[in-house]
N, C-alpha and C. Protein backbone atom coordinates (compact mmCIF):
# COMPACT_ATOMS: atom_id res chain seq x y z
N MET A 1 54.73 21.95 -24.27
CA MET A 1 54.91 20.36 -24.83
C MET A 1 55.91 19.66 -25.83
N SER A 2 56.84 19.87 -25.68
CA SER A 2 57.32 19.35 -26.53
C SER A 2 57.88 17.14 -26.84
N VAL A 3 57.24 16.44 -27.23
CA VAL A 3 57.43 15.44 -27.89
C VAL A 3 58.02 14.92 -28.66
N THR A 4 58.92 13.65 -28.37
CA THR A 4 60.15 13.49 -28.84
C THR A 4 60.13 11.79 -28.82
N ARG A 5 60.91 11.54 -29.88
CA ARG A 5 60.73 9.85 -29.84
C ARG A 5 62.26 9.64 -29.70
N GLU A 6 62.52 8.14 -29.60
CA GLU A 6 64.28 7.66 -29.71
C GLU A 6 64.09 6.77 -31.05
N GLU A 7 64.85 7.69 -31.77
CA GLU A 7 65.46 6.95 -33.59
C GLU A 7 66.86 6.68 -32.86
N SER A 8 66.50 6.11 -33.85
CA SER A 8 68.62 5.38 -34.22
C SER A 8 69.49 6.80 -34.38
N GLU A 9 69.27 7.98 -34.62
CA GLU A 9 69.83 8.44 -34.90
C GLU A 9 70.23 9.61 -33.41
N GLY A 10 69.11 9.44 -32.23
CA GLY A 10 69.19 9.96 -31.27
C GLY A 10 67.85 10.26 -31.01
N GLU A 11 67.54 11.25 -30.07
CA GLU A 11 66.19 11.36 -29.87
C GLU A 11 65.70 12.68 -30.67
N ILE A 12 64.75 12.86 -31.56
CA ILE A 12 64.23 13.69 -32.14
C ILE A 12 62.64 14.33 -31.39
N GLU A 13 62.47 15.55 -31.84
CA GLU A 13 61.23 16.29 -31.25
C GLU A 13 60.10 15.79 -32.97
N VAL A 14 58.97 15.12 -32.28
CA VAL A 14 58.43 14.36 -33.22
C VAL A 14 56.88 15.79 -33.64
N MET A 15 56.37 16.51 -32.71
CA MET A 15 55.44 17.38 -32.37
C MET A 15 55.67 18.11 -31.40
N ARG A 16 54.88 19.61 -31.35
CA ARG A 16 55.04 20.35 -29.89
C ARG A 16 53.31 20.47 -29.64
N MET A 17 53.04 20.42 -28.25
CA MET A 17 51.29 20.59 -28.51
C MET A 17 51.42 22.18 -27.24
N GLY A 18 49.93 22.37 -27.47
CA GLY A 18 49.89 23.55 -26.31
C GLY A 18 48.97 23.74 -25.71
N PRO A 19 47.78 24.44 -25.26
CA PRO A 19 46.77 24.33 -24.76
C PRO A 19 45.99 23.85 -25.37
N GLY A 20 45.27 22.70 -24.92
CA GLY A 20 43.93 22.56 -25.12
C GLY A 20 44.14 21.25 -26.20
N HIS A 21 45.80 20.55 -26.33
CA HIS A 21 45.94 19.47 -26.94
C HIS A 21 45.98 18.13 -26.13
N HIS A 22 46.25 16.97 -26.43
CA HIS A 22 45.97 15.86 -25.69
C HIS A 22 46.79 14.99 -25.95
N PHE A 23 47.07 13.89 -25.42
CA PHE A 23 48.15 12.72 -25.88
C PHE A 23 47.33 11.83 -24.89
N GLY A 24 48.22 10.01 -25.30
CA GLY A 24 48.35 9.48 -24.54
C GLY A 24 46.45 8.78 -25.27
N GLU A 25 46.45 9.04 -26.35
CA GLU A 25 45.06 8.17 -27.06
C GLU A 25 45.28 6.79 -28.01
N MET A 26 46.76 6.45 -28.05
CA MET A 26 47.17 5.49 -28.34
C MET A 26 46.40 4.38 -26.60
N GLY A 27 46.86 4.00 -25.88
CA GLY A 27 46.88 3.70 -24.99
C GLY A 27 45.55 3.20 -24.40
N THR A 28 44.63 4.18 -24.15
CA THR A 28 43.75 4.32 -23.84
C THR A 28 42.81 2.92 -24.51
N PRO A 29 42.87 2.75 -25.57
CA PRO A 29 42.07 1.97 -26.28
C PRO A 29 42.56 0.65 -26.20
N THR A 30 44.06 0.55 -26.78
CA THR A 30 44.74 -0.69 -26.99
C THR A 30 45.59 -1.00 -25.38
N GLY A 31 45.92 -0.05 -24.78
CA GLY A 31 46.88 -0.21 -23.75
C GLY A 31 48.59 -0.88 -24.26
N ALA A 32 48.33 -0.22 -25.23
CA ALA A 32 50.04 -0.43 -25.67
C ALA A 32 50.33 0.71 -25.09
N PRO A 33 52.10 0.81 -24.78
CA PRO A 33 52.93 1.86 -23.94
C PRO A 33 53.41 3.19 -24.94
N ALA A 34 53.52 3.72 -24.11
CA ALA A 34 53.85 5.12 -24.74
C ALA A 34 55.08 4.88 -25.63
N ARG A 35 55.26 5.49 -26.85
CA ARG A 35 56.30 5.08 -27.59
C ARG A 35 57.50 6.47 -27.91
N SER A 36 56.64 7.96 -26.92
CA SER A 36 57.49 8.99 -26.77
C SER A 36 57.50 9.53 -25.24
N LYS A 37 58.53 10.76 -25.88
CA LYS A 37 58.50 11.12 -24.28
C LYS A 37 57.49 12.53 -24.27
N ILE A 38 56.86 13.39 -23.11
CA ILE A 38 56.58 14.28 -23.55
C ILE A 38 57.03 15.12 -22.36
N SER A 39 57.51 15.82 -22.84
CA SER A 39 58.53 17.50 -21.85
C SER A 39 57.63 18.31 -21.86
N ALA A 40 57.42 19.13 -20.60
CA ALA A 40 57.04 20.68 -20.58
C ALA A 40 58.17 21.78 -20.73
N LEU A 41 57.54 22.83 -21.50
CA LEU A 41 58.86 23.58 -21.97
C LEU A 41 58.88 24.80 -21.38
N ILE A 42 57.60 25.07 -20.39
CA ILE A 42 56.90 26.59 -19.53
C ILE A 42 56.53 24.88 -18.95
N PRO A 43 56.22 25.77 -17.23
CA PRO A 43 55.21 25.38 -16.44
C PRO A 43 53.90 25.19 -16.82
N ALA A 44 53.33 23.53 -16.77
CA ALA A 44 51.92 23.29 -17.68
C ALA A 44 51.60 22.65 -16.61
N THR A 45 49.88 22.56 -16.71
CA THR A 45 49.65 22.12 -15.74
C THR A 45 48.59 20.72 -16.72
N VAL A 46 48.45 19.45 -16.03
CA VAL A 46 48.20 18.53 -17.16
C VAL A 46 46.91 17.15 -16.56
N TYR A 47 46.25 17.30 -17.16
CA TYR A 47 44.89 16.06 -16.27
C TYR A 47 45.73 15.20 -16.72
N GLU A 48 44.75 14.11 -15.87
CA GLU A 48 45.10 12.33 -16.05
C GLU A 48 43.98 12.21 -16.22
N LEU A 49 43.37 11.35 -17.31
CA LEU A 49 42.36 10.37 -17.46
C LEU A 49 42.41 9.23 -17.94
N THR A 50 42.19 8.20 -16.58
CA THR A 50 42.32 6.72 -16.80
C THR A 50 41.24 6.15 -17.80
N LYS A 51 41.36 4.91 -18.07
CA LYS A 51 40.24 4.33 -19.11
C LYS A 51 39.20 4.44 -17.81
N ASP A 52 39.59 3.44 -17.14
CA ASP A 52 37.97 3.77 -16.25
C ASP A 52 37.52 5.27 -16.31
N ASP A 53 37.89 6.53 -16.40
CA ASP A 53 37.38 7.76 -16.53
C ASP A 53 36.83 8.16 -17.42
N LEU A 54 37.57 7.80 -18.63
CA LEU A 54 36.84 7.50 -20.08
C LEU A 54 35.88 7.09 -20.63
N SER A 55 35.27 5.66 -20.09
CA SER A 55 34.80 4.87 -20.21
C SER A 55 33.50 5.45 -20.24
N PRO A 56 32.38 6.01 -19.19
CA PRO A 56 31.39 6.44 -19.32
C PRO A 56 30.67 6.94 -20.09
N THR A 57 32.27 8.34 -20.33
CA THR A 57 31.84 8.93 -21.64
C THR A 57 31.66 8.67 -23.51
N LEU A 58 32.54 7.44 -23.56
CA LEU A 58 32.80 7.02 -24.80
C LEU A 58 31.39 5.66 -25.31
N GLN A 59 31.17 4.65 -23.89
CA GLN A 59 29.52 4.83 -24.18
C GLN A 59 28.89 5.38 -24.67
N ALA A 60 28.58 6.79 -23.41
CA ALA A 60 27.56 7.91 -23.82
C ALA A 60 27.64 8.49 -25.04
N ARG A 61 28.73 8.69 -25.53
CA ARG A 61 28.72 9.44 -26.45
C ARG A 61 30.26 8.84 -27.45
N PRO A 62 29.39 7.75 -28.60
CA PRO A 62 30.13 7.01 -29.24
C PRO A 62 31.00 7.83 -29.88
N GLU A 63 30.99 9.38 -30.54
CA GLU A 63 31.16 10.31 -31.33
C GLU A 63 32.45 10.95 -31.14
N VAL A 64 33.05 10.79 -29.69
CA VAL A 64 34.45 10.95 -29.29
C VAL A 64 35.10 9.79 -29.41
N GLY A 65 34.74 8.50 -29.13
CA GLY A 65 35.53 7.48 -29.75
C GLY A 65 36.04 7.69 -30.85
N ARG A 66 35.00 7.55 -32.17
CA ARG A 66 35.32 7.99 -33.69
C ARG A 66 36.47 8.82 -33.74
N GLY A 67 36.70 10.14 -32.89
CA GLY A 67 37.07 11.33 -33.14
C GLY A 67 38.73 10.93 -32.35
N LEU A 68 38.53 10.06 -31.41
CA LEU A 68 39.79 9.20 -30.55
C LEU A 68 40.40 8.78 -31.96
N CYS A 69 39.66 7.83 -31.91
CA CYS A 69 40.48 6.83 -33.30
C CYS A 69 41.41 7.25 -34.60
N ARG A 70 40.23 8.28 -35.03
CA ARG A 70 40.38 9.08 -36.31
C ARG A 70 42.44 10.00 -35.88
N LEU A 71 42.26 10.85 -34.81
CA LEU A 71 42.89 11.58 -34.51
C LEU A 71 44.68 10.57 -34.29
N LEU A 72 44.19 9.08 -33.81
CA LEU A 72 45.05 8.20 -33.91
C LEU A 72 45.46 8.47 -34.92
N ALA A 73 44.50 8.05 -35.88
CA ALA A 73 45.32 7.76 -37.30
C ALA A 73 46.19 8.29 -37.98
N GLU A 74 45.33 9.13 -37.89
CA GLU A 74 46.49 10.74 -38.05
C GLU A 74 47.62 10.83 -37.71
N ARG A 75 47.53 10.65 -36.67
CA ARG A 75 48.75 10.68 -35.70
C ARG A 75 49.83 9.55 -36.38
N GLN A 76 49.30 8.56 -36.39
CA GLN A 76 49.55 7.21 -37.10
C GLN A 76 50.67 7.34 -38.00
N ALA A 77 49.76 8.09 -39.14
CA ALA A 77 49.88 8.15 -40.58
C ALA A 77 51.14 9.02 -40.98
N ALA A 78 51.48 10.32 -39.76
CA ALA A 78 52.47 11.53 -39.94
C ALA A 78 53.38 10.65 -39.15
N GLY A 79 53.17 9.62 -38.94
CA GLY A 79 55.26 8.91 -37.97
C GLY A 79 54.61 9.19 -36.41
């Protein structure tokens, strides 16, 4: 998966992801729209978990939510 973002100089690739990676953690807690586009470079299977799907896990296991917040902070710091 290629993660790209539109910048003043055009679309740039900001990250590549592979098996086991996840995305969308910013929109889940904040409801913010995605700023990036994700494209499959090869055939891929993607699973969607909505906020309603994830909420019971976050309530039962707060460490999962902390991990998502930590990852979000790392990705924001990386630009």
